[in-house]
Amino acid sequence: MEEGSQRERGRGTLGTAGAEGRQILIELGEQNLDAICLSTYRTACKLRFIQKRCNLHLIDIYHVIEAVRDAGLNAVELHAGISVIRLENLVSSLFNQLGKRLPTTHTINPRESTVLLVELILAAVDSDPEGRLTVLSVKAMLSMLCGGKLIDKLRYVFSQVSDSHGVLVQSKFDSFLREALKLPTAVHEGPSFGYTHTLARSCFPQQKRVMLNMFLDIVSDPPPCLVWLPLMHRMASVEHVYHPVSCSYCRSNGMTGFRYRCLRCRGYQLCQNCFWRGNASGSHNNQHQMKEHSSWKSSATKLGRALSRTLGCVSSRETSHPVYPEEPERTLNLSNIVGEGSFAFFAFRSVDSPSRQDEEHKLIARYTSRLAETDGVIPNRSINFDVNKQKRELIAQLESKNREILAEIKRLRAEHDAACQPSPDKGSTNPTLLAELRLLRQRKDELEQRMSSLQESRRELMVQLEGLMKLLKDEEQRQAVQAAGSSHVSPSRPSPSAVRSVGAASPHAHMFPPQDSLAGVGGDVQEAFAQGSDSNSRNMDLECSYAT
């Protein structure tokens, strides 16, 4: 009685929901789908129309799971009752999130879709005289009517009807079939796909444990009570497939959807509308065996595939689904954060309790505070920082010595240039001038030896400096990787002073390409020796002129 009063109050909040619910059945009758002869295709077509009319084909099973989790129904018993108001909130959030995901060119009316779907679910529940709105009813019907991949739907269904060891529970699967088959009954297909107590036992072999992969194999095949489910998915996949051939009955120019070819009448092909309604012409009749095609292949493509199969290049049969691990996924253990008393307290709370959300917020606050305490512990890295500081100090010392060497080279270059300059007031044949020239030449040789020794010293310093810079860079990168793997709260970053030291180590290191014996040293030394070579050549020319 209490549940009935909740449902009546829920219906009152929907306003015109009852009229909208009748409207979708009226629109379904206008599609003339009852003229389809085959009950399987008739049921799949009706449910496909309802799926598109309610915009459920735009929602996959993962969005349904997320909406159920947000509504707090994922941890509730499957047979627990649920009010219509709670159902409406769940469906409304489902379509509101859909409206946010869709592009601006594709808009929907979330309110209209919510009203249509809620009334459809209520009509399906009312089709069973003993039926009542439960959590399992909502999960089963939403998972059957939503879009997405069939294999994902079946995996979700198995997670709801299996135990903690990943083994199918027959009683849970029987309850699921009872709820899922209310959908065909709601569209007046109960005589063909209604529920009976023997359906669950007839789907699976007796005295055998049914795991996930066996469940997928059997249900994907499928059993007679669910044969409309994979057909509805195949209809969705071929809805826009075009076949460039004409129908042998209605003579339409091209077919869309399924194409049916007679295996006895040569060249006789029917579109899906004519085949479903039993239309035939000429020597063909409905007793002939027909083959269903979901795609168009040219003669050349057929010939190439036939040759590939003959040569063994193409497998003749593809696997229906990937093989999944039999063991169920382990859930996150939160016993070290919140004691068992908290979960026991929530287990006995009603689904529709007013203070349930407040208690959830308190529980989340406890989680975050406990996680904040653990995240606040940061490992001590003072030893690594001291090592990096020593390396940076050594690099600074090497840079200072490098600057002193460059200043000495500039001074010697200036002395060399001044010594090589001839006096304009002295004659070229003066013996005193020749003697001074020989002294200058000797002084020049001494300066060149000095410059060579300074060059070698600078080369060694540059090699040491580059090695230390590489070690420092590798150390900082290793610390960054370790910090990123250990903590996401305060990732370690390279010190700005280290970056500046590395950047200032050799500002002109690549201004000039390395040449001969100067390879591996800085550009300032190369420039100095390049200018020194020019001075030597000028000095030799001057000496030759004096000699002549």
Protein backbone atom coordinates (compact mmCIF):
# COMPACT_ATOMS: atom_id res chain seq x y z
CA MET A 1 0.00 0.00 0.00
CA GLU A 2 2.83 2.37 0.85
CA GLU A 3 4.56 1.66 -2.45
CA GLY A 4 1.30 2.19 -4.33
CA SER A 5 0.79 5.56 -2.67
CA GLN A 6 4.36 6.54 -3.59
CA ARG A 7 3.70 5.62 -7.19
CA GLU A 8 0.48 7.63 -7.28
CA ARG A 9 2.24 10.66 -5.83
CA GLY A 10 4.96 10.20 -8.41
CA ARG A 11 2.45 10.10 -11.23
CA GLY A 12 0.96 13.32 -9.95
CA THR A 13 4.30 15.09 -10.18
CA LEU A 14 4.64 14.16 -13.83
CA GLY A 15 1.70 16.31 -14.85
CA THR A 16 0.86 15.29 -18.41
CA ALA A 17 3.04 12.19 -18.27
CA GLY A 18 0.08 9.85 -18.67
CA ALA A 19 -1.00 11.60 -21.87
CA GLU A 20 2.57 11.55 -23.17
CA GLY A 21 2.84 7.85 -22.37
CA ARG A 22 -0.29 7.13 -24.41
CA GLN A 23 1.02 9.39 -27.15
CA ILE A 24 4.11 7.24 -27.75
CA LEU A 25 1.89 4.15 -28.09
CA ILE A 26 -0.28 6.05 -30.57
CA GLU A 27 2.77 7.00 -32.60
CA LEU A 28 3.92 3.39 -32.47
CA GLY A 29 0.59 2.26 -33.93
CA GLU A 30 0.89 4.78 -36.74
CA GLN A 31 4.10 3.11 -37.95
CA ASN A 32 2.08 0.10 -39.15
CA LEU A 33 4.60 -2.25 -37.56
CA ASP A 34 1.93 -4.83 -36.71
CA ALA A 35 1.87 -5.71 -40.42
CA ILE A 36 5.28 -7.38 -40.04
CA CYS A 37 4.73 -11.13 -40.20
CA LEU A 38 7.76 -12.30 -38.20
CA SER A 39 7.33 -11.70 -34.48
CA THR A 40 11.07 -11.32 -33.88
CA TYR A 41 11.42 -8.51 -36.43
CA ARG A 42 8.14 -6.96 -35.29
CA THR A 43 9.26 -6.81 -31.66
CA ALA A 44 12.73 -5.49 -32.57
CA CYS A 45 11.22 -2.79 -34.80
CA LYS A 46 8.83 -1.62 -32.09
CA LEU A 47 11.51 -1.41 -29.44
CA ARG A 48 13.89 0.31 -31.88
CA PHE A 49 11.22 2.94 -32.57
CA ILE A 50 10.72 3.54 -28.84
CA GLN A 51 14.49 3.69 -28.33
CA LYS A 52 14.88 6.42 -30.94
CA ARG A 53 11.73 8.26 -29.89
CA CYS A 54 13.04 8.52 -26.31
CA ASN A 55 16.58 9.38 -27.52
CA LEU A 56 17.98 6.35 -25.72
CA HIS A 57 20.01 5.38 -28.79
CA LEU A 58 22.29 8.33 -27.94
CA ILE A 59 23.09 6.91 -24.47
CA ASP A 60 25.37 3.91 -23.95
CA ILE A 61 25.52 1.51 -21.03
CA TYR A 62 28.37 3.39 -19.34
CA HIS A 63 26.28 6.54 -19.04
CA VAL A 64 23.48 4.44 -17.57
CA ILE A 65 25.89 2.97 -15.00
CA GLU A 66 27.09 6.46 -14.09
CA ALA A 67 23.52 7.75 -13.65
CA VAL A 68 22.59 4.74 -11.49
CA ARG A 69 25.67 5.31 -9.34
CA ASP A 70 24.89 9.02 -8.95
CA ALA A 71 21.36 8.12 -7.88
CA GLY A 72 22.75 5.86 -5.15
CA LEU A 73 21.23 2.64 -6.55
CA ASN A 74 24.46 0.74 -7.23
CA ALA A 75 24.82 -0.51 -3.66
CA VAL A 76 21.11 -1.21 -3.07
CA GLU A 77 19.50 -4.65 -3.16
CA LEU A 78 18.07 -5.49 -6.59
CA HIS A 79 14.62 -6.31 -5.20
CA ALA A 80 14.37 -3.09 -3.17
CA GLY A 81 11.46 -0.87 -4.13
CA ILE A 82 11.93 2.56 -5.66
CA SER A 83 9.51 5.48 -5.89
CA VAL A 84 8.46 7.09 -9.14
CA ILE A 85 9.92 10.42 -8.01
CA ARG A 86 13.32 8.79 -7.62
CA LEU A 87 12.95 7.12 -11.01
CA GLU A 88 12.07 10.44 -12.61
CA ASN A 89 15.15 12.10 -11.03
CA LEU A 90 17.37 9.32 -12.35
CA VAL A 91 16.02 9.52 -15.91
CA SER A 92 16.06 13.32 -15.83
CA SER A 93 19.75 13.40 -14.87
CA LEU A 94 20.44 10.90 -17.64
CA PHE A 95 18.97 13.14 -20.36
CA ASN A 96 20.32 16.37 -18.86
CA GLN A 97 23.84 14.98 -19.09
CA LEU A 98 23.10 13.86 -22.64
CA GLY A 99 22.06 17.38 -23.59
CA LYS A 100 25.41 18.69 -22.34
CA ARG A 101 27.38 16.17 -24.38
CA LEU A 102 25.58 16.68 -27.68
CA PRO A 103 26.85 19.28 -30.18
CA THR A 104 24.93 22.49 -30.70
CA THR A 105 23.66 21.22 -34.05
CA HIS A 106 21.86 18.32 -32.35
CA THR A 107 19.46 19.29 -29.58
CA ILE A 108 16.90 17.24 -27.64
CA ASN A 109 14.10 18.01 -25.20
CA PRO A 110 15.22 16.42 -21.92
CA ARG A 111 11.85 16.96 -20.24
CA GLU A 112 9.91 15.27 -23.03
CA SER A 113 12.32 12.33 -23.19
CA THR A 114 12.14 11.93 -19.41
CA VAL A 115 8.33 11.83 -19.39
CA LEU A 116 8.15 9.35 -22.27
CA LEU A 117 10.69 6.96 -20.78
CA VAL A 118 9.27 7.06 -17.24
CA GLU A 119 5.76 6.32 -18.48
CA LEU A 120 7.05 3.51 -20.68
CA ILE A 121 8.82 1.88 -17.71
CA LEU A 122 5.70 2.25 -15.56
CA ALA A 123 3.54 0.78 -18.34
CA ALA A 124 5.93 -2.17 -18.63
CA VAL A 125 5.80 -2.76 -14.86
CA ASP A 126 2.00 -2.54 -14.86
CA SER A 127 1.82 -5.16 -17.63
CA ASP A 128 2.57 -7.77 -14.95
CA PRO A 129 -0.32 -8.07 -12.46
CA GLU A 130 2.16 -8.94 -9.70
CA GLY A 131 4.81 -6.49 -10.86
CA ARG A 132 6.26 -3.69 -8.78
CA LEU A 133 8.85 -1.03 -9.50
CA THR A 134 12.23 -2.22 -8.16
CA VAL A 135 15.87 -1.37 -8.65
CA LEU A 136 16.23 -4.43 -10.87
CA SER A 137 13.34 -3.20 -13.05
CA VAL A 138 15.10 0.09 -13.71
CA LYS A 139 18.51 -1.49 -14.36
CA ALA A 140 17.13 -4.21 -16.65
CA MET A 141 14.95 -1.95 -18.80
CA LEU A 142 17.51 0.84 -19.13
CA SER A 143 20.26 -1.63 -20.06
CA MET A 144 18.04 -3.25 -22.71
CA LEU A 145 16.85 0.00 -24.31
CA CYS A 146 20.04 2.09 -24.24
CA GLY A 147 22.47 2.30 -27.15
CA GLY A 148 26.09 1.21 -27.33
CA LYS A 149 27.62 -2.21 -27.89
CA LEU A 150 25.71 -5.40 -27.15
CA ILE A 151 28.75 -7.04 -25.55
CA ASP A 152 29.02 -4.19 -23.02
CA LYS A 153 25.35 -4.56 -22.12
CA LEU A 154 25.70 -8.29 -21.55
CA ARG A 155 28.77 -7.82 -19.37
CA TYR A 156 26.83 -5.37 -17.21
CA VAL A 157 23.88 -7.77 -16.99
CA PHE A 158 26.19 -10.58 -15.91
CA SER A 159 27.67 -8.38 -13.19
CA GLN A 160 24.15 -7.96 -11.80
CA VAL A 161 23.15 -11.65 -11.91
CA SER A 162 26.42 -13.26 -10.72
CA ASP A 163 27.90 -13.79 -7.28
CA SER A 164 31.18 -12.49 -5.86
CA HIS A 165 33.09 -15.41 -7.47
CA GLY A 166 31.90 -14.59 -10.99
CA VAL A 167 29.40 -17.48 -11.23
CA LEU A 168 25.89 -17.00 -12.60
CA VAL A 169 23.09 -17.24 -10.03
CA GLN A 170 20.05 -18.82 -11.67
CA SER A 171 17.55 -17.09 -9.39
CA LYS A 172 19.00 -13.65 -10.19
CA PHE A 173 19.00 -14.37 -13.92
CA ASP A 174 15.40 -15.56 -13.68
CA SER A 175 14.46 -12.27 -12.01
CA PHE A 176 16.32 -10.34 -14.70
CA LEU A 177 14.45 -12.17 -17.48
CA ARG A 178 11.16 -11.45 -15.74
CA GLU A 179 11.90 -7.70 -15.78
CA ALA A 180 13.50 -7.53 -19.25
CA LEU A 181 10.66 -9.39 -20.96
CA LYS A 182 8.19 -6.82 -19.66
CA LEU A 183 9.36 -4.59 -22.52
CA PRO A 184 7.99 -6.86 -25.31
CA THR A 185 4.83 -7.27 -23.26
CA ALA A 186 4.41 -3.49 -23.03
CA VAL A 187 4.37 -3.26 -26.87
CA HIS A 188 1.83 -6.11 -27.11
CA GLU A 189 4.32 -8.85 -27.95
CA GLY A 190 3.77 -10.82 -24.76
CA PRO A 191 2.36 -13.93 -26.51
CA SER A 192 5.63 -14.35 -28.42
CA PHE A 193 8.17 -13.24 -25.81
CA GLY A 194 6.37 -13.38 -22.49
CA TYR A 195 7.96 -14.65 -19.29
CA THR A 196 7.61 -18.23 -18.07
CA HIS A 197 9.20 -19.93 -15.07
CA THR A 198 11.17 -22.37 -17.24
CA LEU A 199 12.98 -19.79 -19.40
CA ALA A 200 16.06 -19.35 -17.18
CA ARG A 201 16.63 -23.12 -16.86
CA SER A 202 16.27 -23.62 -20.61
CA CYS A 203 18.91 -21.01 -21.48
CA PHE A 204 21.89 -22.69 -19.78
CA PRO A 205 22.97 -26.30 -19.31
CA GLN A 206 22.11 -27.77 -15.93
CA GLN A 207 24.64 -28.98 -13.36
CA LYS A 208 27.31 -26.67 -14.76
CA ARG A 209 28.87 -23.46 -13.53
CA VAL A 210 28.19 -20.58 -15.91
CA MET A 211 31.02 -18.06 -16.05
CA LEU A 212 31.25 -14.80 -17.98
CA ASN A 213 32.53 -16.15 -21.31
CA MET A 214 29.96 -18.97 -21.41
CA PHE A 215 27.23 -16.46 -20.59
CA LEU A 216 28.33 -14.21 -23.47
CA ASP A 217 28.48 -17.16 -25.88
CA ILE A 218 24.98 -18.38 -25.03
CA VAL A 219 23.19 -15.03 -24.79
CA SER A 220 24.88 -13.65 -27.92
CA ASP A 221 23.71 -16.72 -29.88
CA PRO A 222 20.89 -16.03 -28.54
CA PRO A 223 18.21 -18.03 -26.63
CA PRO A 224 14.66 -17.80 -28.10
CA CYS A 225 13.35 -15.49 -25.38
CA LEU A 226 16.02 -12.82 -26.14
CA VAL A 227 16.37 -13.24 -29.89
CA TRP A 228 14.96 -9.73 -30.42
CA LEU A 229 17.83 -8.06 -28.51
CA PRO A 230 20.76 -8.73 -30.92
CA LEU A 231 18.39 -8.17 -33.86
CA MET A 232 17.63 -4.68 -32.57
CA HIS A 233 21.36 -3.95 -32.46
CA ARG A 234 21.84 -5.26 -35.99
CA MET A 235 19.01 -3.04 -37.19
CA ALA A 236 20.77 -0.05 -35.67
CA SER A 237 24.05 -0.94 -37.39
CA VAL A 238 22.52 -1.32 -40.90
CA GLU A 239 20.04 1.53 -40.63
CA HIS A 240 21.99 3.66 -43.13
CA VAL A 241 23.54 0.91 -45.28
CA TYR A 242 22.68 1.40 -48.96
CA HIS A 243 22.40 -1.41 -51.53
CA PRO A 244 22.54 -0.21 -55.17
CA VAL A 245 20.03 -2.79 -56.44
CA SER A 246 16.27 -2.60 -56.97
CA CYS A 247 13.70 -4.60 -55.04
CA SER A 248 12.09 -7.36 -57.10
CA TYR A 249 8.65 -6.63 -55.60
CA CYS A 250 8.26 -2.86 -55.02
CA ARG A 251 10.78 -1.95 -57.75
CA SER A 252 12.35 0.71 -55.54
CA ASN A 253 15.59 2.18 -56.85
CA GLY A 254 18.06 0.98 -54.21
CA MET A 255 17.58 -0.51 -50.74
CA THR A 256 18.40 0.80 -47.28
CA GLY A 257 18.90 -1.49 -44.31
CA PHE A 258 18.77 -5.25 -44.75
CA ARG A 259 18.73 -6.93 -48.14
CA TYR A 260 17.27 -10.41 -48.67
CA ARG A 261 18.32 -12.67 -51.53
CA CYS A 262 16.48 -15.83 -52.53
CA LEU A 263 18.68 -18.93 -52.70
CA ARG A 264 16.38 -20.62 -55.26
CA CYS A 265 15.25 -17.82 -57.56
CA ARG A 266 18.22 -16.43 -59.46
CA GLY A 267 18.61 -12.65 -59.06
CA TYR A 268 15.52 -12.30 -56.85
CA GLN A 269 16.10 -9.78 -54.03
CA LEU A 270 13.73 -8.06 -51.62
CA CYS A 271 14.06 -4.98 -49.42
CA GLN A 272 13.45 -5.35 -45.72
CA ASN A 273 9.95 -3.82 -45.78
CA CYS A 274 8.73 -6.26 -48.43
CA PHE A 275 10.35 -9.31 -46.86
CA TRP A 276 9.12 -8.55 -43.35
CA ARG A 277 5.54 -8.16 -44.61
CA GLY A 278 5.63 -11.36 -46.66
CA ASN A 279 5.43 -9.76 -50.12
CA ALA A 280 6.34 -11.98 -53.07
CA SER A 281 5.98 -11.89 -56.85
CA GLY A 282 6.48 -14.13 -59.86
CA SER A 283 7.67 -17.68 -59.22
CA HIS A 284 9.00 -16.76 -55.78
CA ASN A 285 7.00 -17.63 -52.66
CA ASN A 286 7.52 -17.20 -48.95
CA GLN A 287 8.57 -20.82 -48.49
CA HIS A 288 11.86 -20.27 -50.33
CA GLN A 289 14.96 -19.93 -48.24
CA MET A 290 16.29 -16.36 -48.07
CA LYS A 291 19.70 -15.03 -47.07
CA GLU A 292 20.00 -11.79 -45.14
CA HIS A 293 22.72 -9.30 -46.18
CA SER A 294 23.77 -6.36 -44.03
CA SER A 295 26.24 -4.84 -46.52
CA TRP A 296 26.79 -4.51 -50.24
CA LYS A 297 29.73 -6.18 -51.93
CA SER A 298 30.59 -5.94 -55.61
CA SER A 299 31.38 -8.99 -57.71
CA ALA A 300 35.11 -8.21 -57.68
CA THR A 301 35.11 -8.00 -53.88
CA LYS A 302 33.26 -11.31 -53.57
CA LEU A 303 35.70 -12.99 -55.96
CA GLY A 304 38.74 -11.65 -54.10
CA ARG A 305 37.40 -12.78 -50.73
CA ALA A 306 36.56 -16.21 -52.11
CA LEU A 307 40.12 -16.60 -53.44
CA SER A 308 41.55 -15.46 -50.10
CA ARG A 309 39.48 -18.02 -48.24
CA THR A 310 40.55 -20.71 -50.67
CA LEU A 311 44.22 -19.85 -50.12
CA GLY A 312 43.71 -19.71 -46.35
CA CYS A 313 44.48 -16.00 -46.04
CA VAL A 314 41.17 -15.12 -44.38
CA SER A 315 39.59 -16.95 -41.49
CA SER A 316 36.21 -18.35 -42.38
CA ARG A 317 34.85 -17.62 -38.92
CA GLU A 318 35.47 -14.71 -36.65
CA THR A 319 35.27 -14.84 -32.88
CA SER A 320 31.99 -13.44 -31.57
CA HIS A 321 33.60 -11.60 -28.65
CA PRO A 322 36.97 -11.32 -26.90
CA VAL A 323 37.79 -13.69 -24.08
CA TYR A 324 37.52 -12.01 -20.69
CA PRO A 325 39.12 -13.14 -17.41
CA GLU A 326 36.85 -15.35 -15.37
CA GLU A 327 37.77 -13.80 -12.03
CA PRO A 328 35.71 -10.68 -11.19
CA GLU A 329 37.50 -7.40 -10.63
CA ARG A 330 38.41 -6.71 -7.02
CA THR A 331 36.75 -3.70 -5.46
CA LEU A 332 38.66 -1.01 -3.59
CA ASN A 333 39.22 -1.85 0.07
CA LEU A 334 38.39 1.16 2.26
CA SER A 335 38.44 -0.66 5.58
CA ASN A 336 41.60 1.16 6.64
CA ILE A 337 39.85 4.53 6.22
CA VAL A 338 36.36 3.89 7.58
CA GLY A 339 35.46 1.13 9.99
CA GLU A 340 32.85 -1.53 9.45
CA GLY A 341 30.39 0.33 11.67
CA SER A 342 29.95 3.08 9.09
CA PHE A 343 29.08 0.64 6.31
CA ALA A 344 26.76 -1.30 8.60
CA PHE A 345 25.03 1.96 9.44
CA PHE A 346 24.49 2.77 5.75
CA ALA A 347 23.39 -0.77 4.92
CA PHE A 348 20.30 -0.45 7.12
CA ARG A 349 19.38 3.01 5.88
CA SER A 350 16.41 3.29 3.53
CA VAL A 351 17.03 4.19 -0.08
CA ASP A 352 14.76 7.21 0.11
CA SER A 353 15.89 8.42 3.56
CA PRO A 354 15.96 12.28 3.72
CA SER A 355 19.21 12.42 5.69
CA ARG A 356 21.05 9.92 3.51
CA GLN A 357 22.82 12.58 1.45
CA ASP A 358 23.99 14.39 4.59
CA GLU A 359 25.50 11.17 5.91
CA GLU A 360 27.22 10.58 2.56
CA HIS A 361 28.74 14.05 2.71
CA LYS A 362 30.06 13.33 6.20
CA LEU A 363 31.56 10.06 4.99
CA ILE A 364 33.24 11.80 2.04
CA ALA A 365 34.60 14.45 4.41
CA ARG A 366 36.17 11.70 6.54
CA TYR A 367 37.76 10.17 3.43
CA THR A 368 39.27 13.48 2.34
CA SER A 369 40.59 14.34 5.79
CA ARG A 370 42.24 10.93 6.13
CA LEU A 371 43.77 11.21 2.65
CA ALA A 372 45.01 14.73 3.43
CA GLU A 373 46.87 13.39 6.45
CA THR A 374 48.65 10.76 4.37
CA ASP A 375 49.37 13.13 1.50
CA GLY A 376 50.99 15.65 3.85
CA VAL A 377 53.98 13.34 4.45
CA ILE A 378 56.72 14.38 2.03
CA PRO A 379 60.00 12.41 1.94
CA ASN A 380 63.17 14.22 3.00
CA ARG A 381 65.37 15.13 0.05
CA SER A 382 67.90 17.36 1.84
CA ILE A 383 70.79 15.02 0.97
CA ASN A 384 70.06 15.29 -2.75
CA PHE A 385 69.72 19.06 -2.47
CA ASP A 386 73.14 19.29 -0.74
CA VAL A 387 74.74 17.26 -3.52
CA ASN A 388 73.21 19.49 -6.18
CA LYS A 389 74.38 22.58 -4.29
CA GLN A 390 77.97 21.32 -4.25
CA LYS A 391 77.84 20.63 -7.97
CA ARG A 392 76.49 24.09 -8.70
CA GLU A 393 79.25 25.67 -6.62
CA LEU A 394 81.88 23.69 -8.53
CA ILE A 395 80.38 24.81 -11.82
CA ALA A 396 80.49 28.43 -10.66
CA GLN A 397 84.19 28.06 -9.77
CA LEU A 398 84.98 26.57 -13.19
CA GLU A 399 83.14 29.41 -14.89
CA SER A 400 85.14 31.98 -12.90
CA LYS A 401 88.42 30.32 -13.87
CA ASN A 402 87.26 30.21 -17.48
CA ARG A 403 86.67 33.96 -17.44
CA GLU A 404 90.19 34.54 -16.02
CA ILE A 405 91.69 32.45 -18.83
CA LEU A 406 89.76 34.43 -21.45
CA ALA A 407 91.03 37.71 -19.94
CA GLU A 408 94.63 36.43 -20.06
CA ILE A 409 94.19 35.41 -23.69
CA LYS A 410 92.91 38.87 -24.58
CA ARG A 411 95.85 40.52 -22.81
CA LEU A 412 98.42 38.34 -24.60
CA ARG A 413 96.69 38.97 -27.91
CA ALA A 414 96.95 42.74 -27.35
CA GLU A 415 100.66 42.48 -26.47
CA HIS A 416 101.26 40.34 -29.54
CA ASP A 417 99.53 42.80 -31.83
CA ALA A 418 101.46 45.74 -30.32
CA ALA A 419 104.79 43.93 -30.73
CA CYS A 420 104.06 43.06 -34.34
CA GLN A 421 103.31 46.66 -35.31
CA PRO A 422 106.41 48.14 -37.24
CA SER A 423 107.69 51.64 -36.40
CA PRO A 424 106.95 53.97 -39.36
CA ASP A 425 110.00 56.22 -38.81
CA LYS A 426 112.58 53.43 -39.15
CA GLY A 427 114.03 52.15 -42.40
CA SER A 428 113.68 48.66 -43.63
CA THR A 429 117.44 48.02 -44.01
CA ASN A 430 118.51 49.16 -40.52
CA PRO A 431 120.51 46.32 -38.77
CA THR A 432 119.15 47.47 -35.44
CA LEU A 433 115.63 47.04 -36.76
CA LEU A 434 116.42 43.50 -37.94
CA ALA A 435 117.78 42.64 -34.52
CA GLU A 436 114.65 43.98 -32.87
CA LEU A 437 112.58 41.99 -35.34
CA ARG A 438 114.35 38.81 -34.36
CA LEU A 439 113.69 39.59 -30.70
CA LEU A 440 110.05 40.20 -31.49
CA ARG A 441 109.91 36.89 -33.34
CA GLN A 442 111.32 35.13 -30.31
CA ARG A 443 108.82 36.92 -28.09
CA LYS A 444 106.05 35.89 -30.49
CA ASP A 445 107.08 32.21 -30.22
CA GLU A 446 106.99 32.44 -26.45
CA LEU A 447 103.53 34.00 -26.57
CA GLU A 448 102.30 31.27 -28.90
CA GLN A 449 103.56 28.59 -26.53
CA ARG A 450 101.82 30.37 -23.68
CA MET A 451 98.60 30.56 -25.65
CA SER A 452 98.87 26.87 -26.54
CA SER A 453 99.19 25.92 -22.88
CA LEU A 454 96.25 28.17 -21.99
CA GLN A 455 94.24 26.60 -24.82
CA GLU A 456 94.90 23.09 -23.52
CA SER A 457 93.98 24.12 -19.98
CA ARG A 458 90.72 25.70 -21.19
CA ARG A 459 89.83 22.59 -23.22
CA GLU A 460 90.21 20.41 -20.12
CA LEU A 461 88.11 22.80 -18.06
CA MET A 462 85.36 22.81 -20.69
CA VAL A 463 85.26 19.00 -20.76
CA GLN A 464 84.95 18.90 -16.95
CA LEU A 465 82.27 21.59 -17.05
CA GLU A 466 80.16 19.74 -19.63
CA GLY A 467 80.44 16.49 -17.69
CA LEU A 468 79.28 18.15 -14.47
CA MET A 469 76.40 19.86 -16.25
CA LYS A 470 75.27 16.52 -17.69
CA LEU A 471 75.45 14.86 -14.27
CA LEU A 472 73.43 17.66 -12.71
CA LYS A 473 70.76 17.46 -15.43
CA ASP A 474 70.46 13.66 -15.11
CA GLU A 475 70.16 13.96 -11.31
CA GLU A 476 67.36 16.54 -11.56
CA GLN A 477 65.47 14.47 -14.14
CA ARG A 478 65.74 11.35 -11.95
CA GLN A 479 64.42 13.27 -8.94
CA ALA A 480 61.51 14.62 -11.01
CA VAL A 481 60.53 11.10 -12.15
CA GLN A 482 60.74 9.72 -8.60
CA ALA A 483 58.70 12.61 -7.23
CA ALA A 484 56.01 12.18 -9.90
CA GLY A 485 55.70 8.46 -9.10
CA SER A 486 55.60 8.89 -5.29
CA SER A 487 53.38 11.93 -4.80
CA HIS A 488 50.80 13.81 -6.95
CA VAL A 489 50.33 16.61 -4.45
CA SER A 490 53.71 18.41 -4.50
CA PRO A 491 55.75 17.27 -7.50
CA SER A 492 59.42 18.21 -7.34
CA ARG A 493 60.57 20.83 -9.77
CA PRO A 494 64.08 21.78 -10.82
CA SER A 495 65.56 24.65 -8.89
CA PRO A 496 65.50 27.99 -10.76
CA SER A 497 69.08 28.63 -9.67
CA ALA A 498 70.12 25.31 -11.21
CA VAL A 499 68.40 26.23 -14.45
CA ARG A 500 70.13 29.59 -14.50
CA SER A 501 73.51 27.98 -13.76
CA VAL A 502 73.09 25.47 -16.55
CA GLY A 503 71.89 28.12 -18.95
CA ALA A 504 74.83 30.40 -18.16
CA ALA A 505 77.50 27.72 -18.25
CA SER A 506 78.56 28.31 -21.79
CA PRO A 507 76.54 31.07 -23.47
CA HIS A 508 78.72 31.01 -26.59
CA ALA A 509 79.45 27.30 -26.72
CA HIS A 510 77.88 26.80 -30.14
CA MET A 511 78.49 30.14 -31.86
CA PHE A 512 81.23 28.65 -34.00
CA PRO A 513 81.51 25.09 -35.32
CA PRO A 514 84.37 23.02 -33.82
CA GLN A 515 87.46 22.77 -36.01
CA ASP A 516 90.44 20.39 -35.84
CA SER A 517 92.19 20.52 -32.46
CA LEU A 518 89.75 23.13 -31.04
CA ALA A 519 86.81 20.69 -31.07
CA GLY A 520 85.05 20.53 -27.69
CA VAL A 521 86.16 23.99 -26.44
CA GLY A 522 84.27 27.27 -26.27
CA GLY A 523 83.79 29.74 -29.10
CA ASP A 524 85.80 32.48 -27.38
CA VAL A 525 89.00 30.43 -27.49
CA GLN A 526 88.38 29.50 -31.12
CA GLU A 527 87.87 33.17 -31.99
CA ALA A 528 91.00 34.13 -30.14
CA PHE A 529 93.12 31.62 -31.99
CA ALA A 530 91.49 32.48 -35.27
CA GLN A 531 92.52 36.10 -34.81
CA GLY A 532 95.93 34.93 -33.61
CA SER A 533 96.40 33.02 -36.87
CA ASP A 534 95.58 36.16 -38.85
CA SER A 535 98.19 38.11 -36.84
CA ASN A 536 100.77 35.40 -37.47
CA SER A 537 100.16 35.55 -41.20
CA ARG A 538 100.52 39.35 -41.16
CA ASN A 539 103.71 39.05 -39.12
CA MET A 540 105.23 36.62 -41.62
CA ASP A 541 104.39 38.94 -44.50
CA LEU A 542 106.04 41.82 -42.66
CA GLU A 543 109.17 39.77 -42.01
CA CYS A 544 109.44 38.83 -45.66
CA SER A 545 109.13 42.49 -46.68
CA TYR A 546 111.95 43.49 -44.29
CA ALA A 547 114.12 40.70 -45.57
CA THR A 548 113.76 41.87 -49.14
